[in-house]
Structure formats: C-alpha cells, structure tokens
PDB file of N, CA and C in Angstrom:
ATOM      1  N   MET A   1     108.417 130.022 113.774  1.00  0.00           N
ATOM      2  CA  MET A   1     109.061 128.859 113.198  1.00  0.00           C
ATOM      3  C   MET A   1     108.057 127.935 112.522  1.00  0.00           C
ATOM      4  N   VAL A   2     106.774 128.149 112.752  1.00  0.00           N
ATOM      5  CA  VAL A   2     105.755 127.318 112.122  1.00  0.00           C
ATOM      6  C   VAL A   2     105.465 127.874 110.733  1.00  0.00           C
ATOM      7  N   SER A   3     105.415 126.970 109.747  1.00  0.00           N
ATOM      8  CA  SER A   3     105.173 127.393 108.368  1.00  0.00           C
ATOM      9  C   SER A   3     104.242 126.386 107.711  1.00  0.00           C
ATOM     10  N   ASN A   4     103.429 126.854 106.784  1.00  0.00           N
ATOM     11  CA  ASN A   4     102.490 125.946 106.123  1.00  0.00           C
ATOM     12  C   ASN A   4     102.990 125.468 104.762  1.00  0.00           C
ATOM     13  N   SER A   5     104.147 125.931 104.321  1.00  0.00           N
ATOM     14  CA  SER A   5     104.689 125.464 103.047  1.00  0.00           C
ATOM     15  C   SER A   5     106.186 125.736 102.990  1.00  0.00           C
ATOM     16  N   THR A   6     106.815 125.174 101.987  1.00  0.00           N
ATOM     17  CA  THR A   6     108.250 125.414 101.819  1.00  0.00           C
ATOM     18  C   THR A   6     108.530 126.805 101.274  1.00  0.00           C
ATOM     19  N   TRP A   7     107.547 127.413 100.635  1.00  0.00           N
ATOM     20  CA  TRP A   7     107.755 128.744 100.054  1.00  0.00           C
ATOM     21  C   TRP A   7     107.828 129.832 101.122  1.00  0.00           C
ATOM     22  N   THR A   8     107.087 129.642 102.207  1.00  0.00           N
ATOM     23  CA  THR A   8     107.086 130.670 103.254  1.00  0.00           C
ATOM     24  C   THR A   8     108.054 130.351 104.389  1.00  0.00           C
ATOM     25  N   TYR A   9     108.688 129.184 104.356  1.00  0.00           N
ATOM     26  CA  TYR A   9     109.636 128.807 105.407  1.00  0.00           C
ATOM     27  C   TYR A   9     110.910 129.638 105.287  1.00  0.00           C
ATOM     28  N   LYS A  10     111.352 130.156 106.383  1.00  0.00           N
ATOM     29  CA  LYS A  10     112.599 130.918 106.442  1.00  0.00           C
ATOM     30  C   LYS A  10     113.585 130.158 107.323  1.00  0.00           C
ATOM     31  N   ILE A  11     114.804 130.014 106.854  1.00  0.00           N
ATOM     32  CA  ILE A  11     115.841 129.331 107.619  1.00  0.00           C
ATOM     33  C   ILE A  11     116.129 130.136 108.884  1.00  0.00           C
ATOM     34  N   PRO A  12     116.189 129.455 110.037  1.00  0.00           N
ATOM     35  CA  PRO A  12     116.475 130.186 111.275  1.00  0.00           C
ATOM     36  C   PRO A  12     117.848 130.860 111.230  1.00  0.00           C
ATOM     37  N   THR A  13     117.899 132.080 111.717  1.00  0.00           N
ATOM     38  CA  THR A  13     119.161 132.823 111.820  1.00  0.00           C
ATOM     39  C   THR A  13     119.441 133.106 113.285  1.00  0.00           C
ATOM     40  N   ILE A  14     120.531 133.740 113.539  1.00  0.00           N
ATOM     41  CA  ILE A  14     120.937 133.996 114.922  1.00  0.00           C
ATOM     42  C   ILE A  14     119.906 134.822 115.681  1.00  0.00           C
ATOM     43  N   ASP A  15     119.214 135.708 114.997  1.00  0.00           N
ATOM     44  CA  ASP A  15     118.242 136.552 115.695  1.00  0.00           C
ATOM     45  C   ASP A  15     116.849 135.930 115.798  1.00  0.00           C
ATOM     46  N   THR A  16     116.598 134.795 115.120  1.00  0.00           N
ATOM     47  CA  THR A  16     115.274 134.164 115.197  1.00  0.00           C
ATOM     48  C   THR A  16     115.256 132.899 116.050  1.00  0.00           C
ATOM     49  N   ILE A  17     116.416 132.371 116.415  1.00  0.00           N
ATOM     50  CA  ILE A  17     116.463 131.161 117.233  1.00  0.00           C
ATOM     51  C   ILE A  17     116.218 131.536 118.690  1.00  0.00           C
ATOM     52  N   PRO A  18     115.228 130.915 119.340  1.00  0.00           N
ATOM     53  CA  PRO A  18     114.965 131.246 120.750  1.00  0.00           C
ATOM     54  C   PRO A  18     116.075 130.709 121.657  1.00  0.00           C
ATOM     55  N   GLN A  19     116.217 131.313 122.809  1.00  0.00           N
ATOM     56  CA  GLN A  19     117.234 130.861 123.763  1.00  0.00           C
ATOM     57  C   GLN A  19     116.881 129.489 124.325  1.00  0.00           C
ATOM     58  N   ASN A  20     115.614 129.230 124.533  1.00  0.00           N
ATOM     59  CA  ASN A  20     115.160 127.932 125.011  1.00  0.00           C
ATOM     60  C   ASN A  20     114.516 127.217 123.825  1.00  0.00           C
ATOM     61  N   PHE A  21     115.238 126.284 123.225  1.00  0.00           N
ATOM     62  CA  PHE A  21     114.789 125.621 121.998  1.00  0.00           C
ATOM     63  C   PHE A  21     114.646 124.127 122.280  1.00  0.00           C
ATOM     64  N   ASN A  22     113.456 123.688 122.659  1.00  0.00           N
ATOM     65  CA  ASN A  22     113.190 122.282 122.987  1.00  0.00           C
ATOM     66  C   ASN A  22     112.644 121.558 121.762  1.00  0.00           C
ATOM     67  N   VAL A  23     113.222 120.409 121.478  1.00  0.00           N
ATOM     68  CA  VAL A  23     112.817 119.617 120.314  1.00  0.00           C
ATOM     69  C   VAL A  23     112.475 118.215 120.785  1.00  0.00           C
ATOM     70  N   HIS A  24     111.383 117.680 120.283  1.00  0.00           N
ATOM     71  CA  HIS A  24     110.987 116.301 120.571  1.00  0.00           C
ATOM     72  C   HIS A  24     111.041 115.518 119.266  1.00  0.00           C
ATOM     73  N   VAL A  25     111.833 114.454 119.244  1.00  0.00           N
ATOM     74  CA  VAL A  25     111.951 113.612 118.064  1.00  0.00           C
ATOM     75  C   VAL A  25     110.939 112.490 118.201  1.00  0.00           C
ATOM     76  N   VAL A  26     110.083 112.357 117.204  1.00  0.00           N
ATOM     77  CA  VAL A  26     109.059 111.320 117.220  1.00  0.00           C
ATOM     78  C   VAL A  26     109.679 110.034 116.686  1.00  0.00           C
ATOM     79  N   ASN A  27     109.617 108.993 117.466  1.00  0.00           N
ATOM     80  CA  ASN A  27     110.141 107.705 117.049  1.00  0.00           C
ATOM     81  C   ASN A  27     108.984 106.872 116.519  1.00  0.00           C
ATOM     82  N   SER A  28     109.088 106.474 115.270  1.00  0.00           N
ATOM     83  CA  SER A  28     108.016 105.696 114.654  1.00  0.00           C
ATOM     84  C   SER A  28     108.148 104.209 114.954  1.00  0.00           C
ATOM     85  N   GLY A  29     109.158 103.823 115.707  1.00  0.00           N
ATOM     86  CA  GLY A  29     109.348 102.412 116.000  1.00  0.00           C
ATOM     87  C   GLY A  29     110.062 101.716 114.861  1.00  0.00           C
ATOM     88  N   HIS A  30     110.354 100.463 115.063  1.00  0.00           N
ATOM     89  CA  HIS A  30     111.070  99.699 114.040  1.00  0.00           C
ATOM     90  C   HIS A  30     110.108  99.283 112.934  1.00  0.00           C
ATOM     91  N   HIS A  31     110.493  99.571 111.723  1.00  0.00           N
ATOM     92  CA  HIS A  31     109.721  99.149 110.557  1.00  0.00           C
ATOM     93  C   HIS A  31     110.717  98.638 109.531  1.00  0.00           C
ATOM     94  N   LYS A  32     110.624  97.366 109.166  1.00  0.00           N
ATOM     95  CA  LYS A  32     111.679  96.767 108.354  1.00  0.00           C
ATOM     96  C   LYS A  32     111.730  97.284 106.918  1.00  0.00           C
ATOM     97  N   LYS A  33     110.723  98.006 106.438  1.00  0.00           N
ATOM     98  CA  LYS A  33     110.740  98.509 105.066  1.00  0.00           C
ATOM     99  C   LYS A  33     111.161  99.970 104.956  1.00  0.00           C
ATOM    100  N   ARG A  34     111.486 100.612 106.062  1.00  0.00           N
ATOM    101  CA  ARG A  34     111.873 102.015 105.971  1.00  0.00           C
ATOM    102  C   ARG A  34     113.353 102.132 105.623  1.00  0.00           C
ATOM    103  N   VAL A  35     113.735 103.294 105.124  1.00  0.00           N
ATOM    104  CA  VAL A  35     115.120 103.549 104.764  1.00  0.00           C
ATOM    105  C   VAL A  35     115.888 103.849 106.045  1.00  0.00           C
ATOM    106  N   LEU A  36     116.898 103.050 106.316  1.00  0.00           N
ATOM    107  CA  LEU A  36     117.665 103.210 107.542  1.00  0.00           C
ATOM    108  C   LEU A  36     119.050 103.770 107.241  1.00  0.00           C
ATOM    109  N   SER A  37     119.655 104.379 108.211  1.00  0.00           N
ATOM    110  CA  SER A  37     121.023 104.897 108.154  1.00  0.00           C
ATOM    111  C   SER A  37     121.208 106.002 107.131  1.00  0.00           C
ATOM    112  N   SER A  38     120.185 106.754 106.834  1.00  0.00           N
ATOM    113  CA  SER A  38     120.311 107.904 105.945  1.00  0.00           C
ATOM    114  C   SER A  38     120.538 109.134 106.802  1.00  0.00           C
ATOM    115  N   LYS A  39     121.685 109.767 106.632  1.00  0.00           N
ATOM    116  CA  LYS A  39     122.064 110.822 107.559  1.00  0.00           C
ATOM    117  C   LYS A  39     121.967 112.226 106.986  1.00  0.00           C
ATOM    118  N   ALA A  40     122.132 112.396 105.715  1.00  0.00           N
ATOM    119  CA  ALA A  40     122.146 113.740 105.133  1.00  0.00           C
ATOM    120  C   ALA A  40     120.884 113.982 104.323  1.00  0.00           C
ATOM    121  N   SER A  41     120.690 115.202 103.915  1.00  0.00           N
ATOM    122  CA  SER A  41     119.467 115.526 103.177  1.00  0.00           C
ATOM    123  C   SER A  41     119.466 114.923 101.779  1.00  0.00           C
ATOM    124  N   GLY A  42     120.635 114.640 101.215  1.00  0.00           N
ATOM    125  CA  GLY A  42     120.696 114.056  99.879  1.00  0.00           C
ATOM    126  C   GLY A  42     120.682 112.548  99.874  1.00  0.00           C
ATOM    127  N   GLU A  43     120.986 111.936 101.012  1.00  0.00           N
ATOM    128  CA  GLU A  43     121.079 110.489 101.065  1.00  0.00           C
ATOM    129  C   GLU A  43     119.738 109.764 100.934  1.00  0.00           C
ATOM    130  N   PRO A  44     118.686 110.148 101.647  1.00  0.00           N
ATOM    131  CA  PRO A  44     117.422 109.408 101.525  1.00  0.00           C
ATOM    132  C   PRO A  44     116.863 109.366 100.101  1.00  0.00           C
ATOM    133  N   PRO A  45     116.840 110.487  99.357  1.00  0.00           N
ATOM    134  CA  PRO A  45     116.343 110.387  97.985  1.00  0.00           C
ATOM    135  C   PRO A  45     117.210 109.487  97.113  1.00  0.00           C
ATOM    136  N   LEU A  46     118.518 109.524  97.339  1.00  0.00           N
ATOM    137  CA  LEU A  46     119.418 108.669  96.570  1.00  0.00           C
ATOM    138  C   LEU A  46     119.154 107.200  96.878  1.00  0.00           C
ATOM    139  N   LEU A  47     119.002 106.877  98.158  1.00  0.00           N
ATOM    140  CA  LEU A  47     118.729 105.490  98.538  1.00  0.00           C
ATOM    141  C   LEU A  47     117.391 105.012  97.989  1.00  0.00           C
ATOM    142  N   LEU A  48     116.390 105.876  98.009  1.00  0.00           N
ATOM    143  CA  LEU A  48     115.085 105.489  97.467  1.00  0.00           C
ATOM    144  C   LEU A  48     115.156 105.291  95.954  1.00  0.00           C
ATOM    145  N   ALA A  49     115.922 106.131  95.266  1.00  0.00           N
ATOM    146  CA  ALA A  49     116.074 105.975  93.814  1.00  0.00           C
ATOM    147  C   ALA A  49     116.816 104.688  93.484  1.00  0.00           C
ATOM    148  N   VAL A  50     117.844 104.380  94.254  1.00  0.00           N
ATOM    149  CA  VAL A  50     118.600 103.148  94.035  1.00  0.00           C
ATOM    150  C   VAL A  50     117.724 101.931  94.319  1.00  0.00           C
ATOM    151  N   SER A  51     116.809 102.054  95.278  1.00  0.00           N
ATOM    152  CA  SER A  51     115.934 100.924  95.597  1.00  0.00           C
ATOM    153  C   SER A  51     115.041 100.558  94.413  1.00  0.00           C
ATOM    154  N   VAL A  52     114.654 101.550  93.613  1.00  0.00           N
ATOM    155  CA  VAL A  52     113.849 101.271  92.412  1.00  0.00           C
ATOM    156  C   VAL A  52     114.672 100.463  91.417  1.00  0.00           C
ATOM    157  N   HIS A  53     115.932 100.864  91.221  1.00  0.00           N
ATOM    158  CA  HIS A  53     116.789 100.128  90.291  1.00  0.00           C
ATOM    159  C   HIS A  53     117.049  98.709  90.798  1.00  0.00           C
ATOM    160  N   CYS A  54     117.272  98.554  92.099  1.00  0.00           N
ATOM    161  CA  CYS A  54     117.490  97.220  92.668  1.00  0.00           C
ATOM    162  C   CYS A  54     116.244  96.342  92.529  1.00  0.00           C
ATOM    163  N   ALA A  55     115.075  96.928  92.710  1.00  0.00           N
ATOM    164  CA  ALA A  55     113.826  96.176  92.541  1.00  0.00           C
ATOM    165  C   ALA A  55     113.641  95.755  91.088  1.00  0.00           C
ATOM    166  N   THR A  56     114.008  96.637  90.159  1.00  0.00           N
ATOM    167  CA  THR A  56     113.929  96.299  88.732  1.00  0.00           C
ATOM    168  C   THR A  56     114.880  95.156  88.416  1.00  0.00           C
ATOM    169  N   ARG A  57     116.099  95.216  88.963  1.00  0.00           N
ATOM    170  CA  ARG A  57     117.067  94.125  88.759  1.00  0.00           C
ATOM    171  C   ARG A  57     116.528  92.797  89.306  1.00  0.00           C
ATOM    172  N   ALA A  58     115.901  92.843  90.476  1.00  0.00           N
ATOM    173  CA  ALA A  58     115.348  91.625  91.074  1.00  0.00           C
ATOM    174  C   ALA A  58     114.215  91.066  90.215  1.00  0.00           C
ATOM    175  N   ALA A  59     113.396  91.948  89.653  1.00  0.00           N
ATOM    176  CA  ALA A  59     112.297  91.502  88.783  1.00  0.00           C
ATOM    177  C   ALA A  59     112.841  90.877  87.504  1.00  0.00           C
ATOM    178  N   VAL A  60     113.881  91.487  86.933  1.00  0.00           N
ATOM    179  CA  VAL A  60     114.499  90.932  85.721  1.00  0.00           C
ATOM    180  C   VAL A  60     115.102  89.566  86.030  1.00  0.00           C
ATOM    181  N   LYS A  61     115.764  89.449  87.177  1.00  0.00           N
ATOM    182  CA  LYS A  61     116.365  88.164  87.559  1.00  0.00           C
ATOM    183  C   LYS A  61     115.295  87.085  87.714  1.00  0.00           C
ATOM    184  N   ALA A  62     114.165  87.425  88.332  1.00  0.00           N
ATOM    185  CA  ALA A  62     113.074  86.456  88.501  1.00  0.00           C
ATOM    186  C   ALA A  62     112.501  86.033  87.150  1.00  0.00           C
ATOM    187  N   ALA A  63     112.363  86.992  86.239  1.00  0.00           N
ATOM    188  CA  ALA A  63     111.858  86.668  84.902  1.00  0.00           C
ATOM    189  C   ALA A  63     112.842  85.780  84.153  1.00  0.00           C
ATOM    190  N   ARG A  64     114.138  86.052  84.312  1.00  0.00           N
ATOM    191  CA  ARG A  64     115.158  85.238  83.646  1.00  0.00           C
ATOM    192  C   ARG A  64     115.203  83.820  84.220  1.00  0.00           C
ATOM    193  N   GLU A  65     114.940  83.680  85.524  1.00  0.00           N
ATOM    194  CA  GLU A  65     114.873  82.339  86.116  1.00  0.00           C
ATOM    195  C   GLU A  65     113.724  81.541  85.506  1.00  0.00           C
ATOM    196  N   GLN A  66     112.608  82.215  85.265  1.00  0.00           N
ATOM    197  CA  GLN A  66     111.470  81.538  84.643  1.00  0.00           C
ATOM    198  C   GLN A  66     111.792  81.164  83.194  1.00  0.00           C
ATOM    199  N   LEU A  67     112.485  82.052  82.480  1.00  0.00           N
ATOM    200  CA  LEU A  67     112.896  81.731  81.114  1.00  0.00           C
ATOM    201  C   LEU A  67     113.837  80.533  81.091  1.00  0.00           C
ATOM    202  N   LYS A  68     114.716  80.451  82.071  1.00  0.00           N
ATOM    203  CA  LYS A  68     115.657  79.328  82.155  1.00  0.00           C
ATOM    204  C   LYS A  68     114.892  78.017  82.317  1.00  0.00           C
ATOM    205  N   GLN A  69     113.792  78.044  83.081  1.00  0.00           N
ATOM    206  CA  GLN A  69     112.974  76.843  83.254  1.00  0.00           C
ATOM    207  C   GLN A  69     112.310  76.432  81.944  1.00  0.00           C
ATOM    208  N   TRP A  70     112.015  77.410  81.088  1.00  0.00           N
ATOM    209  CA  TRP A  70     111.393  77.115  79.789  1.00  0.00           C
ATOM    210  C   TRP A  70     112.436  76.779  78.729  1.00  0.00           C
ATOM    211  N   ASP A  71     113.704  76.747  79.101  1.00  0.00           N
ATOM    212  CA  ASP A  71     114.822  76.518  78.174  1.00  0.00           C
ATOM    213  C   ASP A  71     114.870  77.550  77.057  1.00  0.00           C
ATOM    214  N   LYS A  72     114.520  78.785  77.387  1.00  0.00           N
ATOM    215  CA  LYS A  72     114.549  79.864  76.398  1.00  0.00           C
ATOM    216  C   LYS A  72     115.677  80.860  76.668  1.00  0.00           C
ATOM    217  N   LEU A  73     116.505  80.593  77.668  1.00  0.00           N
ATOM    218  CA  LEU A  73     117.556  81.538  78.036  1.00  0.00           C
ATOM    219  C   LEU A  73     118.905  80.868  77.889  1.00  0.00           C
ATOM    220  N   ASP A  74     119.761  81.502  77.111  1.00  0.00           N
ATOM    221  CA  ASP A  74     121.136  81.041  76.988  1.00  0.00           C
ATOM    222  C   ASP A  74     121.994  81.888  77.913  1.00  0.00           C
ATOM    223  N   GLY A  75     122.759  81.259  78.768  1.00  0.00           N
ATOM    224  CA  GLY A  75     123.625  82.016  79.667  1.00  0.00           C
ATOM    225  C   GLY A  75     123.117  82.010  81.092  1.00  0.00           C
ATOM    226  N   SER A  76     123.710  82.877  81.874  1.00  0.00           N
ATOM    227  CA  SER A  76     123.431  82.931  83.305  1.00  0.00           C
ATOM    228  C   SER A  76     122.162  83.715  83.609  1.00  0.00           C
ATOM    229  N   VAL A  77     121.481  83.297  84.653  1.00  0.00           N
ATOM    230  CA  VAL A  77     120.278  83.989  85.104  1.00  0.00           C
ATOM    231  C   VAL A  77     120.644  85.294  85.793  1.00  0.00           C
ATOM    232  N   SER A  78     121.678  85.240  86.623  1.00  0.00           N
ATOM    233  CA  SER A  78     121.991  86.395  87.468  1.00  0.00           C
ATOM    234  C   SER A  78     123.007  87.355  86.864  1.00  0.00           C
ATOM    235  N   GLU A  79     123.676  86.997  85.794  1.00  0.00           N
ATOM    236  CA  GLU A  79     124.679  87.876  85.199  1.00  0.00           C
ATOM    237  C   GLU A  79     124.101  88.581  83.982  1.00  0.00           C
ATOM    238  N   PHE A  80     123.742  89.833  84.171  1.00  0.00           N
ATOM    239  CA  PHE A  80     123.258  90.667  83.077  1.00  0.00           C
ATOM    240  C   PHE A  80     123.559  92.111  83.420  1.00  0.00           C
ATOM    241  N   TYR A  81     123.607  92.954  82.414  1.00  0.00           N
ATOM    242  CA  TYR A  81     123.936  94.366  82.602  1.00  0.00           C
ATOM    243  C   TYR A  81     122.673  95.188  82.436  1.00  0.00           C
ATOM    244  N   LEU A  82     122.385  96.031  83.419  1.00  0.00           N
ATOM    245  CA  LEU A  82     121.200  96.878  83.375  1.00  0.00           C
ATOM    246  C   LEU A  82     121.618  98.318  83.617  1.00  0.00           C
ATOM    247  N   ASP A  83     121.544  99.133  82.570  1.00  0.00           N
ATOM    248  CA  ASP A  83     121.942 100.537  82.653  1.00  0.00           C
ATOM    249  C   ASP A  83     121.011 101.330  83.556  1.00  0.00           C
ATOM    250  N   VAL A  84     121.494 102.492  83.974  1.00  0.00           N
ATOM    251  CA  VAL A  84     120.671 103.463  84.696  1.00  0.00           C
ATOM    252  C   VAL A  84     120.535 104.670  83.797  1.00  0.00           C
ATOM    253  N   PRO A  85     119.373 105.130  83.440  1.00  0.00           N
ATOM    254  CA  PRO A  85     118.067 104.597  83.814  1.00  0.00           C
ATOM    255  C   PRO A  85     117.745 103.331  83.024  1.00  0.00           C
ATOM    256  N   ALA A  86     117.024 102.452  83.657  1.00  0.00           N
ATOM    257  CA  ALA A  86     116.618 101.201  83.026  1.00  0.00           C
ATOM    258  C   ALA A  86     115.342 101.472  82.232  1.00  0.00           C
ATOM    259  N   ILE A  87     115.511 101.738  80.937  1.00  0.00           N
ATOM    260  CA  ILE A  87     114.353 102.094  80.109  1.00  0.00           C
ATOM    261  C   ILE A  87     113.557 100.844  79.749  1.00  0.00           C
ATOM    262  N   LEU A  88     112.285 101.034  79.475  1.00  0.00           N
ATOM    263  CA  LEU A  88     111.355  99.922  79.279  1.00  0.00           C
ATOM    264  C   LEU A  88     111.782  98.938  78.187  1.00  0.00           C
ATOM    265  N   PRO A  89     112.199  99.383  76.990  1.00  0.00           N
ATOM    266  CA  PRO A  89     112.589  98.388  75.979  1.00  0.00           C
ATOM    267  C   PRO A  89     113.740  97.483  76.427  1.00  0.00           C
ATOM    268  N   VAL A  90     114.695  98.038  77.167  1.00  0.00           N
ATOM    269  CA  VAL A  90     115.827  97.240  77.649  1.00  0.00           C
ATOM    270  C   VAL A  90     115.364  96.254  78.720  1.00  0.00           C
ATOM    271  N   VAL A  91     114.542  96.719  79.649  1.00  0.00           N
ATOM    272  CA  VAL A  91     114.025  95.841  80.708  1.00  0.00           C
ATOM    273  C   VAL A  91     113.187  94.727  80.088  1.00  0.00           C
ATOM    274  N   LYS A  92     112.398  95.084  79.106  1.00  0.00           N
ATOM    275  CA  LYS A  92     111.542  94.108  78.423  1.00  0.00           C
ATOM    276  C   LYS A  92     112.383  93.020  77.749  1.00  0.00           C
ATOM    277  N   THR A  93     113.454  93.427  77.097  1.00  0.00           N
ATOM    278  CA  THR A  93     114.338  92.466  76.449  1.00  0.00           C
ATOM    279  C   THR A  93     115.062  91.610  77.483  1.00  0.00           C
ATOM    280  N   GLN A  94     115.552  92.235  78.554  1.00  0.00           N
ATOM    281  CA  GLN A  94     116.253  91.487  79.602  1.00  0.00           C
ATOM    282  C   GLN A  94     115.333  90.466  80.275  1.00  0.00           C
ATOM    283  N   CYS A  95     114.056  90.809  80.401  1.00  0.00           N
ATOM    284  CA  CYS A  95     113.082  89.890  81.010  1.00  0.00           C
ATOM    285  C   CYS A  95     112.682  88.772  80.064  1.00  0.00           C
ATOM    286  N   GLY A  96     113.002  88.926  78.786  1.00  0.00           N
ATOM    287  CA  GLY A  96     112.628  87.918  77.817  1.00  0.00           C
ATOM    288  C   GLY A  96     111.208  88.062  77.321  1.00  0.00           C
ATOM    289  N   LEU A  97     110.627  89.240  77.443  1.00  0.00           N
ATOM    290  CA  LEU A  97     109.249  89.427  76.987  1.00  0.00           C
ATOM    291  C   LEU A  97     109.129  89.337  75.473  1.00  0.00           C
ATOM    292  N   ASP A  98     110.228  89.526  74.744  1.00  0.00           N
ATOM    293  CA  ASP A  98     110.165  89.322  73.302  1.00  0.00           C
ATOM    294  C   ASP A  98     109.876  87.852  72.997  1.00  0.00           C
ATOM    295  N   TYR A  99     110.392  86.923  73.821  1.00  0.00           N
ATOM    296  CA  TYR A  99     110.078  85.504  73.659  1.00  0.00           C
ATOM    297  C   TYR A  99     108.601  85.240  73.934  1.00  0.00           C
ATOM    298  N   VAL A 100     108.063  85.862  74.954  1.00  0.00           N
ATOM    299  CA  VAL A 100     106.658  85.673  75.310  1.00  0.00           C
ATOM    300  C   VAL A 100     105.760  86.177  74.189  1.00  0.00           C
ATOM    301  N   GLU A 101     106.095  87.363  73.637  1.00  0.00           N
ATOM    302  CA  GLU A 101     105.293  87.903  72.540  1.00  0.00           C
ATOM    303  C   GLU A 101     105.349  86.989  71.320  1.00  0.00           C
ATOM    304  N   LYS A 102     106.532  86.454  71.006  1.00  0.00           N
ATOM    305  CA  LYS A 102     106.655  85.522  69.877  1.00  0.00           C
ATOM    306  C   LYS A 102     105.860  84.248  70.148  1.00  0.00           C
ATOM    307  N   TYR A 103     105.899  83.773  71.393  1.00  0.00           N
ATOM    308  CA  TYR A 103     105.154  82.580  71.776  1.00  0.00           C
ATOM    309  C   TYR A 103     103.655  82.808  71.608  1.00  0.00           C
ATOM    310  N   LEU A 104     103.167  83.961  72.069  1.00  0.00           N
ATOM    311  CA  LEU A 104     101.743  84.266  71.935  1.00  0.00           C
ATOM    312  C   LEU A 104     101.343  84.424  70.473  1.00  0.00           C
ATOM    313  N   GLU A 105     102.217  85.009  69.661  1.00  0.00           N
ATOM    314  CA  GLU A 105     101.930  85.140  68.230  1.00  0.00           C
ATOM    315  C   GLU A 105     101.815  83.773  67.571  1.00  0.00           C
ATOM    316  N   THR A 106     102.682  82.826  67.947  1.00  0.00           N
ATOM    317  CA  THR A 106     102.592  81.486  67.364  1.00  0.00           C
ATOM    318  C   THR A 106     101.329  80.767  67.825  1.00  0.00           C
ATOM    319  N   LEU A 107     100.911  80.990  69.080  1.00  0.00           N
ATOM    320  CA  LEU A 107      99.660  80.385  69.547  1.00  0.00           C
ATOM    321  C   LEU A 107      98.463  80.909  68.765  1.00  0.00           C
ATOM    322  N   VAL A 108      98.435  82.219  68.538  1.00  0.00           N
ATOM    323  CA  VAL A 108      97.334  82.820  67.781  1.00  0.00           C
ATOM    324  C   VAL A 108      97.351  82.310  66.343  1.00  0.00           C
ATOM    325  N   ALA A 109      98.530  82.192  65.761  1.00  0.00           N
ATOM    326  CA  ALA A 109      98.643  81.698  64.386  1.00  0.00           C
ATOM    327  C   ALA A 109      98.193  80.243  64.291  1.00  0.00           C
ATOM    328  N   GLN A 110      98.528  79.426  65.290  1.00  0.00           N
ATOM    329  CA  GLN A 110      98.120  78.021  65.288  1.00  0.00           C
ATOM    330  C   GLN A 110      96.609  77.879  65.435  1.00  0.00           C
ATOM    331  N   LYS A 111      95.991  78.728  66.254  1.00  0.00           N
ATOM    332  CA  LYS A 111      94.543  78.651  66.455  1.00  0.00           C
ATOM    333  C   LYS A 111      93.781  79.128  65.228  1.00  0.00           C
ATOM    334  N   SER A 112      94.370  80.055  64.473  1.00  0.00           N
ATOM    335  CA  SER A 112      93.676  80.567  63.289  1.00  0.00           C
ATOM    336  C   SER A 112      93.786  79.606  62.107  1.00  0.00           C
ATOM    337  N   ASN A 113      94.756  78.679  62.133  1.00  0.00           N
ATOM    338  CA  ASN A 113      94.922  77.706  61.028  1.00  0.00           C
ATOM    339  C   ASN A 113      94.059  76.530  61.201  1.00  0.00           C
TER     340      ASN A 113
END
C-alpha cells in the first residue's frame, strides 16, 4: 500500500485490502486559515479556487474605498461585477488603476514643464 508517486499507486481492491486495516488520522489542530468542512475530493480545490476570487474581490473593494476617499469614484464602493476568471485588465479597471496612471502622467508632465 506504500507508494512513492501517484503513477505507481494502485487503488486497493478486494484481494489487496488486509483483514486487519488500522488507520491513524493525524490531527493538525485548529488553524484558522485552513479550509474547513471540505468533504469530497473535488470540494477542497473548488474552495481554494473560490478563495482566490474572493480575495481579488476584497482587494478591488479596498482599492475602490481608497478611490472614494480621493473623490475619483462615482457610485458604490461595494457594488461591482467581477467575472470569473477575473482577468488583469478588468481587475485593473475595477481598482481604478487607470486613474492612478493618469494621475502619475499628469505629475510627470507638470514636472517636465
């Protein structure tokens, strides 16, 4: 039953399972950043993938809050649509980085004059 890779691992069948099969589950203790309540083999990867999108949404919201403080954002801070996958140009626009780039361009233009 011991294998060094997924390529050589064989799924146990009726003739390979021992009659006395003792298993010890290692408990890593409570860790508040781990994925909890994932029960199936497809659930943990899905939850981890969704966590990336949620983190991106939180970053966009924080950037929009900062834009609101600069009076550069029209509309709500928390109401915006973010597609999956959240591609870089869309995230950049949602964060208001086009405003930052325009602001930096005007600063450079003012210093050169």
